[in-house]
C-alpha atoms as a PDB file:
ATOM      1  CA  UNK A   1       0.000   0.000   0.000  1.00  0.00           C
ATOM      2  CA  UNK A   2       1.328   3.432  -0.912  1.00  0.00           C
ATOM      3  CA  UNK A   3       2.176   5.555   2.099  1.00  0.00           C
ATOM      4  CA  UNK A   4       0.462   8.899   2.369  1.00  0.00           C
ATOM      5  CA  UNK A   5       2.326  12.173   2.276  1.00  0.00           C
ATOM      6  CA  UNK A   6       1.549  15.099   4.604  1.00  0.00           C
ATOM      7  CA  UNK A   7      -0.643  17.905   3.305  1.00  0.00           C
ATOM      8  CA  UNK A   8      -0.091  21.566   3.895  1.00  0.00           C
ATOM      9  CA  UNK A   9       3.423  22.703   4.810  1.00  0.00           C
ATOM     10  CA  UNK A  10       5.414  20.334   2.660  1.00  0.00           C
ATOM     11  CA  UNK A  11       6.252  21.475  -0.824  1.00  0.00           C
ATOM     12  CA  UNK A  12       4.800  18.917  -3.288  1.00  0.00           C
ATOM     13  CA  UNK A  13       7.707  19.632  -5.626  1.00  0.00           C
ATOM     14  CA  UNK A  14      10.351  18.691  -3.049  1.00  0.00           C
ATOM     15  CA  UNK A  15      11.236  15.188  -1.832  1.00  0.00           C
ATOM     16  CA  UNK A  16       9.250  14.090   1.241  1.00  0.00           C
ATOM     17  CA  UNK A  17      10.374  11.909   4.094  1.00  0.00           C
ATOM     18  CA  UNK A  18       8.777   8.436   3.735  1.00  0.00           C
ATOM     19  CA  UNK A  19       6.222   7.763   6.441  1.00  0.00           C
ATOM     20  CA  UNK A  20       8.100   4.641   7.526  1.00  0.00           C
ATOM     21  CA  UNK A  21      11.324   6.614   8.086  1.00  0.00           C
ATOM     22  CA  UNK A  22       9.472   9.338   9.983  1.00  0.00           C
ATOM     23  CA  UNK A  23       7.810   6.674  12.151  1.00  0.00           C
ATOM     24  CA  UNK A  24      11.203   5.087  12.957  1.00  0.00           C
ATOM     25  CA  UNK A  25      12.616   8.495  13.868  1.00  0.00           C
ATOM     26  CA  UNK A  26       9.603   9.256  16.073  1.00  0.00           C
ATOM     27  CA  UNK A  27       9.855   5.902  17.885  1.00  0.00           C
ATOM     28  CA  UNK A  28      13.601   6.409  18.431  1.00  0.00           C
ATOM     29  CA  UNK A  29      12.906   9.860  19.874  1.00  0.00           C
ATOM     30  CA  UNK A  30      10.174   8.602  22.208  1.00  0.00           C
ATOM     31  CA  UNK A  31      12.419   5.761  23.385  1.00  0.00           C
ATOM     32  CA  UNK A  32      15.246   8.167  24.136  1.00  0.00           C
ATOM     33  CA  UNK A  33      12.910  10.511  26.028  1.00  0.00           C
ATOM     34  CA  UNK A  34      11.611   7.571  28.077  1.00  0.00           C
ATOM     35  CA  UNK A  35      15.169   6.428  28.825  1.00  0.00           C
ATOM     36  CA  UNK A  36      15.943   9.921  30.150  1.00  0.00           C
ATOM     37  CA  UNK A  37      12.830   9.917  32.393  1.00  0.00           C
ATOM     38  CA  UNK A  38      11.091  12.589  30.336  1.00  0.00           C
ATOM     39  CA  UNK A  39       8.038  10.349  29.874  1.00  0.00           C
ATOM     40  CA  UNK A  40       6.096   8.150  32.266  1.00  0.00           C
ATOM     41  CA  UNK A  41       5.459   4.518  31.334  1.00  0.00           C
ATOM     42  CA  UNK A  42       1.781   5.177  30.555  1.00  0.00           C
ATOM     43  CA  UNK A  43       2.517   8.251  28.446  1.00  0.00           C
ATOM     44  CA  UNK A  44       5.308   6.436  26.609  1.00  0.00           C
ATOM     45  CA  UNK A  45       3.041   3.487  25.761  1.00  0.00           C
ATOM     46  CA  UNK A  46       0.236   5.832  24.661  1.00  0.00           C
ATOM     47  CA  UNK A  47       2.506   7.807  22.343  1.00  0.00           C
ATOM     48  CA  UNK A  48       4.121   4.634  21.022  1.00  0.00           C
ATOM     49  CA  UNK A  49       0.690   3.243  20.096  1.00  0.00           C
ATOM     50  CA  UNK A  50      -0.150   6.481  18.248  1.00  0.00           C
ATOM     51  CA  UNK A  51       3.121   6.269  16.318  1.00  0.00           C
ATOM     52  CA  UNK A  52       2.584   2.646  15.287  1.00  0.00           C
ATOM     53  CA  UNK A  53      -1.030   3.253  14.237  1.00  0.00           C
ATOM     54  CA  UNK A  54      -0.356   6.485  12.330  1.00  0.00           C
ATOM     55  CA  UNK A  55      -1.250   6.393   8.639  1.00  0.00           C
ATOM     56  CA  UNK A  56      -0.463  10.042   7.824  1.00  0.00           C
ATOM     57  CA  UNK A  57       2.173  12.570   8.881  1.00  0.00           C
ATOM     58  CA  UNK A  58      -0.279  14.687  10.940  1.00  0.00           C
ATOM     59  CA  UNK A  59      -1.363  11.528  12.806  1.00  0.00           C
ATOM     60  CA  UNK A  60       2.287  10.730  13.444  1.00  0.00           C
ATOM     61  CA  UNK A  61       2.835  14.264  14.701  1.00  0.00           C
ATOM     62  CA  UNK A  62       0.170  13.688  17.376  1.00  0.00           C
ATOM     63  CA  UNK A  63       2.528  11.184  19.029  1.00  0.00           C
ATOM     64  CA  UNK A  64       4.868  14.093  19.798  1.00  0.00           C
ATOM     65  CA  UNK A  65       2.274  16.763  20.527  1.00  0.00           C
ATOM     66  CA  UNK A  66       2.769  18.585  23.800  1.00  0.00           C
ATOM     67  CA  UNK A  67       6.190  17.038  24.358  1.00  0.00           C
ATOM     68  CA  UNK A  68       8.380  19.926  25.463  1.00  0.00           C
ATOM     69  CA  UNK A  69      11.328  20.174  27.874  1.00  0.00           C
ATOM     70  CA  UNK A  70      10.590  21.668  31.272  1.00  0.00           C
ATOM     71  CA  UNK A  71      13.099  24.070  32.767  1.00  0.00           C
ATOM     72  CA  UNK A  72      16.032  22.241  34.286  1.00  0.00           C
ATOM     73  CA  UNK A  73      15.297  18.912  32.593  1.00  0.00           C
ATOM     74  CA  UNK A  74      17.374  17.041  30.051  1.00  0.00           C
ATOM     75  CA  UNK A  75      16.884  18.583  26.647  1.00  0.00           C
ATOM     76  CA  UNK A  76      16.242  22.046  28.078  1.00  0.00           C
ATOM     77  CA  UNK A  77      19.622  23.143  26.682  1.00  0.00           C
ATOM     78  CA  UNK A  78      18.455  22.435  23.130  1.00  0.00           C
ATOM     79  CA  UNK A  79      20.942  19.600  22.666  1.00  0.00           C
ATOM     80  CA  UNK A  80      18.985  16.603  23.952  1.00  0.00           C
ATOM     81  CA  UNK A  81      16.368  14.420  22.226  1.00  0.00           C
ATOM     82  CA  UNK A  82      13.667  17.084  22.615  1.00  0.00           C
ATOM     83  CA  UNK A  83      15.619  19.353  20.283  1.00  0.00           C
ATOM     84  CA  UNK A  84      14.244  17.372  17.307  1.00  0.00           C
ATOM     85  CA  UNK A  85      10.541  17.645  18.182  1.00  0.00           C
ATOM     86  CA  UNK A  86       8.753  19.564  15.424  1.00  0.00           C
ATOM     87  CA  UNK A  87       6.928  22.803  16.163  1.00  0.00           C
ATOM     88  CA  UNK A  88       3.276  21.829  15.977  1.00  0.00           C
ATOM     89  CA  UNK A  89       1.858  25.187  17.068  1.00  0.00           C
ATOM     90  CA  UNK A  90       2.806  28.872  16.604  1.00  0.00           C
ATOM     91  CA  UNK A  91       5.084  30.488  19.177  1.00  0.00           C
ATOM     92  CA  UNK A  92       3.180  33.806  19.036  1.00  0.00           C
ATOM     93  CA  UNK A  93      -0.251  34.860  17.671  1.00  0.00           C
ATOM     94  CA  UNK A  94      -0.490  36.475  14.255  1.00  0.00           C
ATOM     95  CA  UNK A  95      -1.324  39.839  15.867  1.00  0.00           C
ATOM     96  CA  UNK A  96       2.263  40.099  17.138  1.00  0.00           C
ATOM     97  CA  UNK A  97       3.848  39.414  13.747  1.00  0.00           C
ATOM     98  CA  UNK A  98       4.776  42.417  11.575  1.00  0.00           C
ATOM     99  CA  UNK A  99       4.011  42.279   7.847  1.00  0.00           C
ATOM    100  CA  UNK A 100       7.595  43.087   6.737  1.00  0.00           C
ATOM    101  CA  UNK A 101      11.101  43.515   8.107  1.00  0.00           C
ATOM    102  CA  UNK A 102      14.561  43.980   6.617  1.00  0.00           C
ATOM    103  CA  UNK A 103      18.179  43.594   7.696  1.00  0.00           C
ATOM    104  CA  UNK A 104      20.746  45.270   5.438  1.00  0.00           C
ATOM    105  CA  UNK A 105      24.538  45.117   5.794  1.00  0.00           C
ATOM    106  CA  UNK A 106      26.670  47.328   3.517  1.00  0.00           C
ATOM    107  CA  UNK A 107      30.398  47.170   4.304  1.00  0.00           C
ATOM    108  CA  UNK A 108      29.413  45.909   7.755  1.00  0.00           C
ATOM    109  CA  UNK A 109      27.600  43.233   9.748  1.00  0.00           C
ATOM    110  CA  UNK A 110      23.964  42.770  10.712  1.00  0.00           C
ATOM    111  CA  UNK A 111      22.613  40.092  13.048  1.00  0.00           C
ATOM    112  CA  UNK A 112      19.194  38.877  14.135  1.00  0.00           C
ATOM    113  CA  UNK A 113      19.796  36.526  17.083  1.00  0.00           C
ATOM    114  CA  UNK A 114      18.204  35.436  20.360  1.00  0.00           C
ATOM    115  CA  UNK A 115      14.470  35.713  21.070  1.00  0.00           C
ATOM    116  CA  UNK A 116      12.970  37.865  18.355  1.00  0.00           C
ATOM    117  CA  UNK A 117       9.839  37.793  16.220  1.00  0.00           C
ATOM    118  CA  UNK A 118      10.412  37.547  12.457  1.00  0.00           C
ATOM    119  CA  UNK A 119       7.932  39.290  10.186  1.00  0.00           C
ATOM    120  CA  UNK A 120       5.732  37.500   7.677  1.00  0.00           C
ATOM    121  CA  UNK A 121       8.100  38.632   4.900  1.00  0.00           C
ATOM    122  CA  UNK A 122      11.758  39.338   5.709  1.00  0.00           C
ATOM    123  CA  UNK A 123      14.586  40.672   3.542  1.00  0.00           C
ATOM    124  CA  UNK A 124      18.268  40.068   4.371  1.00  0.00           C
ATOM    125  CA  UNK A 125      20.817  41.878   2.175  1.00  0.00           C
ATOM    126  CA  UNK A 126      24.627  41.791   2.416  1.00  0.00           C
ATOM    127  CA  UNK A 127      26.716  44.002   0.112  1.00  0.00           C
ATOM    128  CA  UNK A 128      30.403  43.522   0.833  1.00  0.00           C
ATOM    129  CA  UNK A 129      29.343  42.626   4.357  1.00  0.00           C
ATOM    130  CA  UNK A 130      27.761  39.828   6.374  1.00  0.00           C
ATOM    131  CA  UNK A 131      24.232  39.154   7.565  1.00  0.00           C
ATOM    132  CA  UNK A 132      23.308  36.496  10.150  1.00  0.00           C
ATOM    133  CA  UNK A 133      19.700  35.381  10.660  1.00  0.00           C
ATOM    134  CA  UNK A 134      19.494  33.017  13.653  1.00  0.00           C
ATOM    135  CA  UNK A 135      16.073  31.379  14.055  1.00  0.00           C
ATOM    136  CA  UNK A 136      16.962  28.917  16.814  1.00  0.00           C
ATOM    137  CA  UNK A 137      15.317  30.986  19.555  1.00  0.00           C
ATOM    138  CA  UNK A 138      13.075  33.086  17.323  1.00  0.00           C
ATOM    139  CA  UNK A 139       9.349  33.225  18.060  1.00  0.00           C
ATOM    140  CA  UNK A 140       7.455  32.353  14.900  1.00  0.00           C
ATOM    141  CA  UNK A 141       3.864  33.136  14.057  1.00  0.00           C
ATOM    142  CA  UNK A 142       1.383  30.735  12.444  1.00  0.00           C
ATOM    143  CA  UNK A 143       1.991  29.462   8.934  1.00  0.00           C
ATOM    144  CA  UNK A 144       4.878  30.348   6.690  1.00  0.00           C
ATOM    145  CA  UNK A 145       7.514  33.041   7.296  1.00  0.00           C
ATOM    146  CA  UNK A 146       9.303  34.096   4.104  1.00  0.00           C
ATOM    147  CA  UNK A 147      12.951  35.204   3.956  1.00  0.00           C
ATOM    148  CA  UNK A 148      14.507  36.738   0.850  1.00  0.00           C
ATOM    149  CA  UNK A 149      18.318  36.683   1.018  1.00  0.00           C
ATOM    150  CA  UNK A 150      20.567  38.661  -1.335  1.00  0.00           C
ATOM    151  CA  UNK A 151      24.376  38.520  -1.164  1.00  0.00           C
ATOM    152  CA  UNK A 152      26.502  40.747  -3.407  1.00  0.00           C
ATOM    153  CA  UNK A 153      30.187  40.151  -2.694  1.00  0.00           C
ATOM    154  CA  UNK A 154      29.095  39.341   0.829  1.00  0.00           C
ATOM    155  CA  UNK A 155      27.522  36.537   2.873  1.00  0.00           C
ATOM    156  CA  UNK A 156      24.117  35.738   4.337  1.00  0.00           C
ATOM    157  CA  UNK A 157      23.923  32.945   6.907  1.00  0.00           C
ATOM    158  CA  UNK A 158      20.574  31.552   8.041  1.00  0.00           C
ATOM    159  CA  UNK A 159      20.656  29.250  11.081  1.00  0.00           C
ATOM    160  CA  UNK A 160      17.570  27.117  11.744  1.00  0.00           C
ATOM    161  CA  UNK A 161      16.711  24.698  14.583  1.00  0.00           C
ATOM    162  CA  UNK A 162      16.239  20.963  13.915  1.00  0.00           C
ATOM    163  CA  UNK A 163      12.488  20.991  14.577  1.00  0.00           C
ATOM    164  CA  UNK A 164      11.641  23.691  12.043  1.00  0.00           C
ATOM    165  CA  UNK A 165      10.335  22.881   8.564  1.00  0.00           C
ATOM    166  CA  UNK A 166      12.390  24.762   5.954  1.00  0.00           C
ATOM    167  CA  UNK A 167      12.015  25.131   2.184  1.00  0.00           C
ATOM    168  CA  UNK A 168      14.802  26.663   0.114  1.00  0.00           C
ATOM    169  CA  UNK A 169      15.000  27.972  -3.423  1.00  0.00           C
ATOM    170  CA  UNK A 170      17.971  29.969  -4.639  1.00  0.00           C
ATOM    171  CA  UNK A 171      20.538  30.580  -7.323  1.00  0.00           C
ATOM    172  CA  UNK A 172      24.038  31.992  -7.566  1.00  0.00           C
ATOM    173  CA  UNK A 173      26.160  33.791 -10.152  1.00  0.00           C
ATOM    174  CA  UNK A 174      29.862  33.322  -9.431  1.00  0.00           C
ATOM    175  CA  UNK A 175      28.856  32.504  -5.869  1.00  0.00           C
ATOM    176  CA  UNK A 176      27.092  29.821  -3.833  1.00  0.00           C
ATOM    177  CA  UNK A 177      23.681  28.997  -2.378  1.00  0.00           C
ATOM    178  CA  UNK A 178      23.953  26.053   0.008  1.00  0.00           C
ATOM    179  CA  UNK A 179      21.476  24.243   2.229  1.00  0.00           C
ATOM    180  CA  UNK A 180      22.639  21.699   4.795  1.00  0.00           C
ATOM    181  CA  UNK A 181      20.260  19.202   6.382  1.00  0.00           C
ATOM    182  CA  UNK A 182      16.872  19.644   4.756  1.00  0.00           C
ATOM    183  CA  UNK A 183      14.063  19.263   7.281  1.00  0.00           C
ATOM    184  CA  UNK A 184      10.491  18.052   6.854  1.00  0.00           C
ATOM    185  CA  UNK A 185       7.693  18.861   9.270  1.00  0.00           C
ATOM    186  CA  UNK A 186       5.234  16.520  10.929  1.00  0.00           C
ATOM    187  CA  UNK A 187       2.867  19.395  11.709  1.00  0.00           C
ATOM    188  CA  UNK A 188      -0.292  20.645  10.075  1.00  0.00           C
ATOM    189  CA  UNK A 189      -0.897  23.754   7.961  1.00  0.00           C
ATOM    190  CA  UNK A 190      -0.834  26.079  11.012  1.00  0.00           C
ATOM    191  CA  UNK A 191       2.544  24.810  12.213  1.00  0.00           C
ATOM    192  CA  UNK A 192       5.326  27.405  11.828  1.00  0.00           C
ATOM    193  CA  UNK A 193       7.495  26.969   8.754  1.00  0.00           C
ATOM    194  CA  UNK A 194      10.094  28.982   6.872  1.00  0.00           C
ATOM    195  CA  UNK A 195      10.720  29.537   3.176  1.00  0.00           C
ATOM    196  CA  UNK A 196      14.062  30.964   2.077  1.00  0.00           C
ATOM    197  CA  UNK A 197      14.543  32.433  -1.396  1.00  0.00           C
ATOM    198  CA  UNK A 198      18.017  33.669  -2.252  1.00  0.00           C
ATOM    199  CA  UNK A 199      20.320  35.056  -4.910  1.00  0.00           C
ATOM    200  CA  UNK A 200      24.093  35.412  -4.588  1.00  0.00           C
ATOM    201  CA  UNK A 201      26.428  37.368  -6.888  1.00  0.00           C
ATOM    202  CA  UNK A 202      30.117  36.877  -6.073  1.00  0.00           C
ATOM    203  CA  UNK A 203      28.881  35.988  -2.601  1.00  0.00           C
ATOM    204  CA  UNK A 204      27.418  33.163  -0.521  1.00  0.00           C
ATOM    205  CA  UNK A 205      24.111  32.235   1.072  1.00  0.00           C
ATOM    206  CA  UNK A 206      24.165  29.342   3.538  1.00  0.00           C
ATOM    207  CA  UNK A 207      21.250  27.694   5.331  1.00  0.00           C
ATOM    208  CA  UNK A 208      22.374  25.400   8.150  1.00  0.00           C
ATOM    209  CA  UNK A 209      20.630  23.380  10.856  1.00  0.00           C
ATOM    210  CA  UNK A 210      22.079  23.842  14.328  1.00  0.00           C
ATOM    211  CA  UNK A 211      20.811  23.130  17.789  1.00  0.00           C
ATOM    212  CA  UNK A 212      20.610  25.858  20.409  1.00  0.00           C
ATOM    213  CA  UNK A 213      24.103  26.831  21.547  1.00  0.00           C
ATOM    214  CA  UNK A 214      25.730  24.618  18.917  1.00  0.00           C
ATOM    215  CA  UNK A 215      28.672  26.069  17.016  1.00  0.00           C
ATOM    216  CA  UNK A 216      29.415  25.490  13.346  1.00  0.00           C
ATOM    217  CA  UNK A 217      32.160  23.008  14.246  1.00  0.00           C
ATOM    218  CA  UNK A 218      29.922  21.118  16.689  1.00  0.00           C
ATOM    219  CA  UNK A 219      27.156  20.919  14.058  1.00  0.00           C
ATOM    220  CA  UNK A 220      29.615  19.482  11.561  1.00  0.00           C
ATOM    221  CA  UNK A 221      30.740  16.826  14.046  1.00  0.00           C
ATOM    222  CA  UNK A 222      27.136  15.965  14.911  1.00  0.00           C
ATOM    223  CA  UNK A 223      26.253  15.466  11.261  1.00  0.00           C
ATOM    224  CA  UNK A 224      29.154  13.064  10.887  1.00  0.00           C
ATOM    225  CA  UNK A 225      28.029  11.088  13.936  1.00  0.00           C
ATOM    226  CA  UNK A 226      24.431  10.951  12.707  1.00  0.00           C
ATOM    227  CA  UNK A 227      25.587   9.808   9.273  1.00  0.00           C
ATOM    228  CA  UNK A 228      27.565   6.950  10.830  1.00  0.00           C
ATOM    229  CA  UNK A 229      24.571   6.008  12.987  1.00  0.00           C
ATOM    230  CA  UNK A 230      22.259   5.880   9.945  1.00  0.00           C
ATOM    231  CA  UNK A 231      24.720   3.630   8.129  1.00  0.00           C
ATOM    232  CA  UNK A 232      24.912   1.318  11.146  1.00  0.00           C
ATOM    233  CA  UNK A 233      21.114   1.082  11.330  1.00  0.00           C
ATOM    234  CA  UNK A 234      20.880   0.250   7.639  1.00  0.00           C
ATOM    235  CA  UNK A 235      23.442  -2.526   8.066  1.00  0.00           C
ATOM    236  CA  UNK A 236      21.487  -3.980  11.017  1.00  0.00           C
ATOM    237  CA  UNK A 237      18.266  -4.028   8.969  1.00  0.00           C
ATOM    238  CA  UNK A 238      19.958  -6.081   6.279  1.00  0.00           C
END
């Protein structure tokens, strides 16, 4: 039987995560949370049953709904298993989200970091300078937030958390547009998501997934570890 694909936030033109792979990832996450005493036995069994019985991505997302780290618990630092739980609900209501915003760096540096509220449509421009858009602690409104990145002999870096659904579309002329670690969402149409459109001329635009507090070097090491772990799991299944 053909597995269903999630409606809403996923781009039909981009590759989707197979439901079976998403289910395995969800079960692994629940097991790790249970091992770290973040779930009771009853809650773990309930969520596990939802994951096994899920026939669509939104149904699978319900197995993780409401699972958030409490202050002082494992995962509260953004580096534990809870760091991969998708955002199933907006962080702020639409009334707090501005229609537009822009960050422009000309022969200088501009940063958007920490807890901030991106607009519905955002423009990041770097002309012989650098622009950093860090969304790891950003408070997102419902639906899609759009970022347009332009780099002219400069660089634009967009940092996104693991749980956020991101779509990218860009091009470069004598430059680079690079996305590392594409992410798919298990949420519904109201779940926060980000679309990044970019154009680089003699410059670079980079979209990278990092956990809260994780440096570029630490993210690179984590990706290598995760790649080795995926290979080991594939060998065990054979």
